PDB file of N, CA and C in Angstrom:
ATOM      1  N   MET A   1     -11.209   5.562   4.786  1.00  0.00           N
ATOM      2  CA  MET A   1     -10.363   5.612   3.638  1.00  0.00           C
ATOM      3  C   MET A   1      -9.758   4.379   3.472  1.00  0.00           C
ATOM      4  N   LYS A   2      -9.951   4.021   2.040  1.00  0.00           N
ATOM      5  CA  LYS A   2      -9.279   2.670   1.277  1.00  0.00           C
ATOM      6  C   LYS A   2      -7.956   2.845   0.907  1.00  0.00           C
ATOM      7  N   TYR A   3      -6.972   2.043   1.321  1.00  0.00           N
ATOM      8  CA  TYR A   3      -5.878   2.210   0.888  1.00  0.00           C
ATOM      9  C   TYR A   3      -5.252   0.689   0.290  1.00  0.00           C
ATOM     10  N   THR A   4      -4.726   0.851  -0.972  1.00  0.00           N
ATOM     11  CA  THR A   4      -4.219   0.036  -1.736  1.00  0.00           C
ATOM     12  C   THR A   4      -2.826  -0.358  -1.328  1.00  0.00           C
ATOM     13  N   MET A   5      -2.427  -1.310  -0.687  1.00  0.00           N
ATOM     14  CA  MET A   5      -0.970  -2.043  -0.535  1.00  0.00           C
ATOM     15  C   MET A   5      -0.172  -2.953  -1.655  1.00  0.00           C
ATOM     16  N   LYS A   6       0.537  -2.467  -2.430  1.00  0.00           N
ATOM     17  CA  LYS A   6       0.983  -3.402  -3.232  1.00  0.00           C
ATOM     18  C   LYS A   6       2.450  -4.317  -2.617  1.00  0.00           C
ATOM     19  N   MET A   7       2.424  -5.178  -2.145  1.00  0.00           N
ATOM     20  CA  MET A   7       3.309  -5.893  -1.959  1.00  0.00           C
ATOM     21  C   MET A   7       4.155  -6.816  -3.008  1.00  0.00           C
ATOM     22  N   ILE A   8       5.318  -6.286  -2.935  1.00  0.00           N
ATOM     23  CA  ILE A   8       6.202  -6.767  -4.269  1.00  0.00           C
ATOM     24  C   ILE A   8       7.513  -7.652  -3.502  1.00  0.00           C
ATOM     25  N   TRP A   9       7.531  -8.608  -4.209  1.00  0.00           N
ATOM     26  CA  TRP A   9       8.853  -9.808  -3.734  1.00  0.00           C
ATOM     27  C   TRP A   9       9.926  -9.036  -4.652  1.00  0.00           C
ATOM     28  N   ASP A  10      11.171  -8.975  -4.213  1.00  0.00           N
ATOM     29  CA  ASP A  10      12.313  -8.447  -4.748  1.00  0.00           C
ATOM     30  C   ASP A  10      13.168  -9.929  -4.785  1.00  0.00           C
ATOM     31  N   ASP A  11      13.103 -10.564  -5.809  1.00  0.00           N
ATOM     32  CA  ASP A  11      14.219 -11.582  -5.767  1.00  0.00           C
ATOM     33  C   ASP A  11      15.563 -11.286  -5.744  1.00  0.00           C
ATOM     34  N   GLU A  12      16.157 -10.213  -6.008  1.00  0.00           N
ATOM     35  CA  GLU A  12      17.630  -9.790  -5.791  1.00  0.00           C
ATOM     36  C   GLU A  12      17.780 -10.018  -4.462  1.00  0.00           C
ATOM     37  N   VAL A  13      16.907  -9.175  -3.516  1.00  0.00           N
ATOM     38  CA  VAL A  13      17.612  -9.448  -1.904  1.00  0.00           C
ATOM     39  C   VAL A  13      16.762 -10.066  -1.288  1.00  0.00           C
ATOM     40  N   CYS A  14      15.625 -11.110  -1.896  1.00  0.00           N
ATOM     41  CA  CYS A  14      14.844 -12.070  -1.027  1.00  0.00           C
ATOM     42  C   CYS A  14      14.115 -11.201   0.079  1.00  0.00           C
ATOM     43  N   ARG A  15      13.265 -10.325  -0.405  1.00  0.00           N
ATOM     44  CA  ARG A  15      12.513  -9.709   0.678  1.00  0.00           C
ATOM     45  C   ARG A  15      11.313  -8.953   0.315  1.00  0.00           C
ATOM     46  N   TRP A  16      10.181  -8.790   0.660  1.00  0.00           N
ATOM     47  CA  TRP A  16       8.794  -8.334   0.365  1.00  0.00           C
ATOM     48  C   TRP A  16       8.930  -6.760   0.564  1.00  0.00           C
ATOM     49  N   HIS A  17       8.376  -5.881  -0.248  1.00  0.00           N
ATOM     50  CA  HIS A  17       8.388  -4.448   0.348  1.00  0.00           C
ATOM     51  C   HIS A  17       7.225  -3.887  -0.273  1.00  0.00           C
ATOM     52  N   CYS A  18       6.643  -3.006   0.282  1.00  0.00           N
ATOM     53  CA  CYS A  18       5.204  -2.493  -0.163  1.00  0.00           C
ATOM     54  C   CYS A  18       5.155  -0.917  -0.403  1.00  0.00           C
ATOM     55  N   GLU A  19       4.181  -0.767  -1.202  1.00  0.00           N
ATOM     56  CA  GLU A  19       4.166   0.733  -1.615  1.00  0.00           C
ATOM     57  C   GLU A  19       2.699   0.964  -1.938  1.00  0.00           C
ATOM     58  N   SER A  20       2.071   2.563  -1.849  1.00  0.00           N
ATOM     59  CA  SER A  20       0.773   2.812  -1.906  1.00  0.00           C
ATOM     60  C   SER A  20       0.754   4.075  -2.840  1.00  0.00           C
ATOM     61  N   ASP A  21      -0.081   3.906  -3.580  1.00  0.00           N
ATOM     62  CA  ASP A  21      -0.238   5.064  -4.411  1.00  0.00           C
ATOM     63  C   ASP A  21      -1.046   6.391  -3.175  1.00  0.00           C
ATOM     64  N   GLU A  22      -1.855   5.904  -2.543  1.00  0.00           N
ATOM     65  CA  GLU A  22      -2.883   6.545  -1.453  1.00  0.00           C
ATOM     66  C   GLU A  22      -1.879   6.970  -0.333  1.00  0.00           C
ATOM     67  N   ALA A  23      -0.515   6.459  -0.275  1.00  0.00           N
ATOM     68  CA  ALA A  23       0.070   6.903   1.272  1.00  0.00           C
ATOM     69  C   ALA A  23       1.573   7.193   0.654  1.00  0.00           C
ATOM     70  N   PRO A  24       1.787   8.164  -0.274  1.00  0.00           N
ATOM     71  CA  PRO A  24       3.113   8.286  -0.711  1.00  0.00           C
ATOM     72  C   PRO A  24       4.174   8.587   0.531  1.00  0.00           C
ATOM     73  N   GLY A  25       5.467   7.669   0.337  1.00  0.00           N
ATOM     74  CA  GLY A  25       6.205   7.850   1.333  1.00  0.00           C
ATOM     75  C   GLY A  25       6.125   6.855   2.323  1.00  0.00           C
ATOM     76  N   PHE A  26       5.285   5.997   2.174  1.00  0.00           N
ATOM     77  CA  PHE A  26       5.083   5.087   3.325  1.00  0.00           C
ATOM     78  C   PHE A  26       5.616   3.708   2.449  1.00  0.00           C
ATOM     79  N   LEU A  27       6.708   3.179   2.907  1.00  0.00           N
ATOM     80  CA  LEU A  27       7.895   2.158   2.422  1.00  0.00           C
ATOM     81  C   LEU A  27       8.223   1.412   3.768  1.00  0.00           C
ATOM     82  N   LEU A  28       7.620  -0.013   3.721  1.00  0.00           N
ATOM     83  CA  LEU A  28       8.014  -1.107   4.434  1.00  0.00           C
ATOM     84  C   LEU A  28       8.567  -2.318   3.971  1.00  0.00           C
ATOM     85  N   GLU A  29       9.566  -3.021   4.355  1.00  0.00           N
ATOM     86  CA  GLU A  29       9.960  -4.347   4.096  1.00  0.00           C
ATOM     87  C   GLU A  29      10.033  -5.425   4.888  1.00  0.00           C
ATOM     88  N   SER A  30       9.981  -6.623   4.669  1.00  0.00           N
ATOM     89  CA  SER A  30      10.119  -7.595   5.319  1.00  0.00           C
ATOM     90  C   SER A  30      10.686  -8.929   4.704  1.00  0.00           C
ATOM     91  N   ASN A  31      11.035  -9.972   5.545  1.00  0.00           N
ATOM     92  CA  ASN A  31      11.840 -11.230   4.731  1.00  0.00           C
ATOM     93  C   ASN A  31      10.406 -12.000   4.498  1.00  0.00           C
ATOM     94  N   SER A  32       9.289 -11.898   5.231  1.00  0.00           N
ATOM     95  CA  SER A  32       8.225 -12.512   5.373  1.00  0.00           C
ATOM     96  C   SER A  32       6.903 -11.848   4.684  1.00  0.00           C
ATOM     97  N   PHE A  33       6.001 -12.620   4.034  1.00  0.00           N
ATOM     98  CA  PHE A  33       5.064 -11.762   3.643  1.00  0.00           C
ATOM     99  C   PHE A  33       3.954 -11.648   4.743  1.00  0.00           C
ATOM    100  N   ASP A  34       3.680 -12.675   5.685  1.00  0.00           N
ATOM    101  CA  ASP A  34       2.868 -12.248   6.772  1.00  0.00           C
ATOM    102  C   ASP A  34       3.646 -11.512   7.742  1.00  0.00           C
ATOM    103  N   GLY A  35       4.757 -11.051   7.731  1.00  0.00           N
ATOM    104  CA  GLY A  35       5.578 -10.205   8.642  1.00  0.00           C
ATOM    105  C   GLY A  35       5.239  -9.073   8.098  1.00  0.00           C
ATOM    106  N   LEU A  36       5.263  -8.607   6.670  1.00  0.00           N
ATOM    107  CA  LEU A  36       4.880  -7.355   6.022  1.00  0.00           C
ATOM    108  C   LEU A  36       3.694  -6.908   6.249  1.00  0.00           C
ATOM    109  N   ILE A  37       2.774  -7.978   6.306  1.00  0.00           N
ATOM    110  CA  ILE A  37       1.170  -7.522   6.441  1.00  0.00           C
ATOM    111  C   ILE A  37       1.274  -6.986   7.967  1.00  0.00           C
ATOM    112  N   GLU A  38       1.698  -7.770   8.680  1.00  0.00           N
ATOM    113  CA  GLU A  38       1.535  -7.060  10.459  1.00  0.00           C
ATOM    114  C   GLU A  38       2.188  -5.706  10.326  1.00  0.00           C
ATOM    115  N   ARG A  39       3.546  -5.464   9.760  1.00  0.00           N
ATOM    116  CA  ARG A  39       4.059  -4.561   9.800  1.00  0.00           C
ATOM    117  C   ARG A  39       3.261  -3.450   9.546  1.00  0.00           C
ATOM    118  N   VAL A  40       2.394  -3.342   8.099  1.00  0.00           N
ATOM    119  CA  VAL A  40       1.558  -2.459   7.587  1.00  0.00           C
ATOM    120  C   VAL A  40       0.371  -2.316   8.439  1.00  0.00           C
ATOM    121  N   ARG A  41      -0.077  -3.158   8.954  1.00  0.00           N
ATOM    122  CA  ARG A  41      -1.394  -2.975  10.025  1.00  0.00           C
ATOM    123  C   ARG A  41      -0.838  -2.067  11.343  1.00  0.00           C
ATOM    124  N   ILE A  42       0.271  -2.142  11.609  1.00  0.00           N
ATOM    125  CA  ILE A  42       0.807  -1.492  12.775  1.00  0.00           C
ATOM    126  C   ILE A  42       1.216   0.223  12.527  1.00  0.00           C
ATOM    127  N   GLY A  43       1.895  -0.104  11.175  1.00  0.00           N
ATOM    128  CA  GLY A  43       2.731   1.234  10.678  1.00  0.00           C
ATOM    129  C   GLY A  43       1.887   2.304  10.134  1.00  0.00           C
ATOM    130  N   LEU A  44       1.001   1.834   9.281  1.00  0.00           N
ATOM    131  CA  LEU A  44       0.376   2.515   8.659  1.00  0.00           C
ATOM    132  C   LEU A  44      -0.673   3.557   9.070  1.00  0.00           C
ATOM    133  N   PRO A  45      -1.330   2.870  10.252  1.00  0.00           N
ATOM    134  CA  PRO A  45      -2.315   4.144  10.890  1.00  0.00           C
ATOM    135  C   PRO A  45      -1.360   5.281  11.842  1.00  0.00           C
ATOM    136  N   ASP A  46       0.021   4.899  12.370  1.00  0.00           N
ATOM    137  CA  ASP A  46       1.010   5.937  12.817  1.00  0.00           C
ATOM    138  C   ASP A  46       1.175   6.734  11.849  1.00  0.00           C
ATOM    139  N   PHE A  47       1.545   6.067  10.509  1.00  0.00           N
ATOM    140  CA  PHE A  47       2.035   7.309   9.477  1.00  0.00           C
ATOM    141  C   PHE A  47       0.942   8.257   9.216  1.00  0.00           C
ATOM    142  N   LEU A  48      -0.279   7.567   9.227  1.00  0.00           N
ATOM    143  CA  LEU A  48      -1.266   8.524   8.431  1.00  0.00           C
ATOM    144  C   LEU A  48      -1.587   9.664   9.695  1.00  0.00           C
ATOM    145  N   ILE A  49      -1.781   9.045  11.107  1.00  0.00           N
ATOM    146  CA  ILE A  49      -1.550  10.230  12.199  1.00  0.00           C
ATOM    147  C   ILE A  49      -0.667  11.324  12.025  1.00  0.00           C
ATOM    148  N   GLU A  50       0.761  10.962  11.485  1.00  0.00           N
ATOM    149  CA  GLU A  50       1.451  11.743  11.385  1.00  0.00           C
ATOM    150  C   GLU A  50       1.101  12.510  10.521  1.00  0.00           C
ATOM    151  N   THR A  51       0.467  12.106   9.502  1.00  0.00           N
ATOM    152  CA  THR A  51       0.125  13.443   8.096  1.00  0.00           C
ATOM    153  C   THR A  51      -1.052  14.185   8.430  1.00  0.00           C
ATOM    154  N   GLY A  52      -1.729  13.693   9.936  1.00  0.00           N
ATOM    155  CA  GLY A  52      -2.889  14.544   9.822  1.00  0.00           C
ATOM    156  C   GLY A  52      -4.271  14.015   9.548  1.00  0.00           C
ATOM    157  N   TYR A  53      -4.196  12.702   9.098  1.00  0.00           N
ATOM    158  CA  TYR A  53      -5.464  11.899   8.779  1.00  0.00           C
ATOM    159  C   TYR A  53      -5.891  11.129  10.151  1.00  0.00           C
ATOM    160  N   SER A  54      -7.303  11.286  10.388  1.00  0.00           N
ATOM    161  CA  SER A  54      -7.613  10.374  11.156  1.00  0.00           C
ATOM    162  C   SER A  54      -9.279   9.824  10.736  1.00  0.00           C
ATOM    163  N   GLY A  55      -9.427   8.646  11.158  1.00  0.00           N
ATOM    164  CA  GLY A  55     -10.688   8.084  10.696  1.00  0.00           C
ATOM    165  C   GLY A  55     -10.261   6.534  10.475  1.00  0.00           C
ATOM    166  N   ASP A  56     -11.490   5.962   9.704  1.00  0.00           N
ATOM    167  CA  ASP A  56     -11.431   4.602   9.489  1.00  0.00           C
ATOM    168  C   ASP A  56     -10.333   4.327   8.171  1.00  0.00           C
ATOM    169  N   ILE A  57      -9.654   3.174   8.375  1.00  0.00           N
ATOM    170  CA  ILE A  57      -8.735   2.701   7.720  1.00  0.00           C
ATOM    171  C   ILE A  57      -8.908   1.289   6.892  1.00  0.00           C
ATOM    172  N   HIS A  58      -9.144   1.254   5.709  1.00  0.00           N
ATOM    173  CA  HIS A  58      -9.444  -0.092   4.874  1.00  0.00           C
ATOM    174  C   HIS A  58      -8.014  -0.134   3.986  1.00  0.00           C
ATOM    175  N   ILE A  59      -7.361  -1.660   4.276  1.00  0.00           N
ATOM    176  CA  ILE A  59      -6.382  -1.911   3.370  1.00  0.00           C
ATOM    177  C   ILE A  59      -6.742  -3.090   2.641  1.00  0.00           C
ATOM    178  N   ASN A  60      -6.439  -2.693   1.547  1.00  0.00           N
ATOM    179  CA  ASN A  60      -6.317  -4.058   0.381  1.00  0.00           C
ATOM    180  C   ASN A  60      -5.119  -4.295   0.076  1.00  0.00           C
ATOM    181  N   PHE A  61      -4.633  -5.520   0.241  1.00  0.00           N
ATOM    182  CA  PHE A  61      -3.353  -5.949  -0.043  1.00  0.00           C
ATOM    183  C   PHE A  61      -3.503  -6.662  -1.343  1.00  0.00           C
ATOM    184  N   ILE A  62      -2.478  -6.245  -2.233  1.00  0.00           N
ATOM    185  CA  ILE A  62      -2.093  -7.045  -3.689  1.00  0.00           C
ATOM    186  C   ILE A  62      -0.818  -7.370  -3.653  1.00  0.00           C
ATOM    187  N   SER A  63      -0.538  -8.640  -3.993  1.00  0.00           N
ATOM    188  CA  SER A  63       0.864  -9.202  -4.087  1.00  0.00           C
ATOM    189  C   SER A  63       1.171  -9.625  -5.275  1.00  0.00           C
ATOM    190  N   GLU A  64       2.457  -9.126  -5.669  1.00  0.00           N
ATOM    191  CA  GLU A  64       3.071  -9.435  -7.083  1.00  0.00           C
ATOM    192  C   GLU A  64       4.387 -10.002  -6.754  1.00  0.00           C
ATOM    193  N   ARG A  65       4.653 -11.045  -7.123  1.00  0.00           N
ATOM    194  CA  ARG A  65       6.212 -11.963  -7.196  1.00  0.00           C
ATOM    195  C   ARG A  65       6.288 -12.417  -8.579  1.00  0.00           C
ATOM    196  N   ILE A  66       7.533 -11.704  -9.064  1.00  0.00           N
ATOM    197  CA  ILE A  66       8.235 -12.556 -10.173  1.00  0.00           C
ATOM    198  C   ILE A  66       9.344 -13.169  -9.869  1.00  0.00           C
ATOM    199  N   ASP A  67       9.586 -14.266 -10.483  1.00  0.00           N
ATOM    200  CA  ASP A  67      11.031 -15.078 -10.161  1.00  0.00           C
ATOM    201  C   ASP A  67      11.424 -15.521 -11.549  1.00  0.00           C
ATOM    202  N   SER A  68      12.711 -15.578 -11.468  1.00  0.00           N
ATOM    203  CA  SER A  68      13.467 -15.812 -12.702  1.00  0.00           C
ATOM    204  C   SER A  68      14.155 -17.457 -12.665  1.00  0.00           C
ATOM    205  N   VAL A  69      13.959 -18.045 -13.494  1.00  0.00           N
ATOM    206  CA  VAL A  69      14.286 -19.419 -13.778  1.00  0.00           C
ATOM    207  C   VAL A  69      15.014 -19.829 -14.681  1.00  0.00           C
ATOM    208  N   LYS A  70      16.329 -20.430 -14.360  1.00  0.00           N
ATOM    209  CA  LYS A  70      17.254 -20.574 -15.504  1.00  0.00           C
ATOM    210  C   LYS A  70      16.698 -22.259 -16.010  1.00  0.00           C
ATOM    211  N   SER A  71      16.696 -22.295 -17.575  1.00  0.00           N
ATOM    212  CA  SER A  71      16.411 -23.460 -17.936  1.00  0.00           C
ATOM    213  C   SER A  71      17.390 -24.270 -17.961  1.00  0.00           C
ATOM    214  N   VAL A  72      17.136 -25.452 -17.834  1.00  0.00           N
ATOM    215  CA  VAL A  72      18.333 -26.823 -17.733  1.00  0.00           C
ATOM    216  C   VAL A  72      18.061 -27.783 -19.072  1.00  0.00           C
ATOM    217  N   ALA A  73      19.213 -27.692 -19.631  1.00  0.00           N
ATOM    218  CA  ALA A  73      19.126 -28.399 -21.012  1.00  0.00           C
ATOM    219  C   ALA A  73      19.308 -30.179 -20.396  1.00  0.00           C
ATOM    220  N   VAL A  74      18.101 -30.856 -21.262  1.00  0.00           N
ATOM    221  CA  VAL A  74      18.329 -32.122 -20.833  1.00  0.00           C
ATOM    222  C   VAL A  74      18.865 -33.227 -22.023  1.00  0.00           C
TER     223      VAL A  74
END
């Protein structure tokens, strides 16, 4: 089954978190993007086994990062 993981940067807490419509309730976070990908690769199969799923898992990672920047008058 294909799972789309949305990787979202939270500027307020300086951490990445993920969410997926195909795996409701599966939430992880990390201070690094690569660290979160590894956590998902390990954690998602375990989460799905607990919910009764068995089979192949294909993960599509989509990232979103929005930053706020104050303008400086020159």
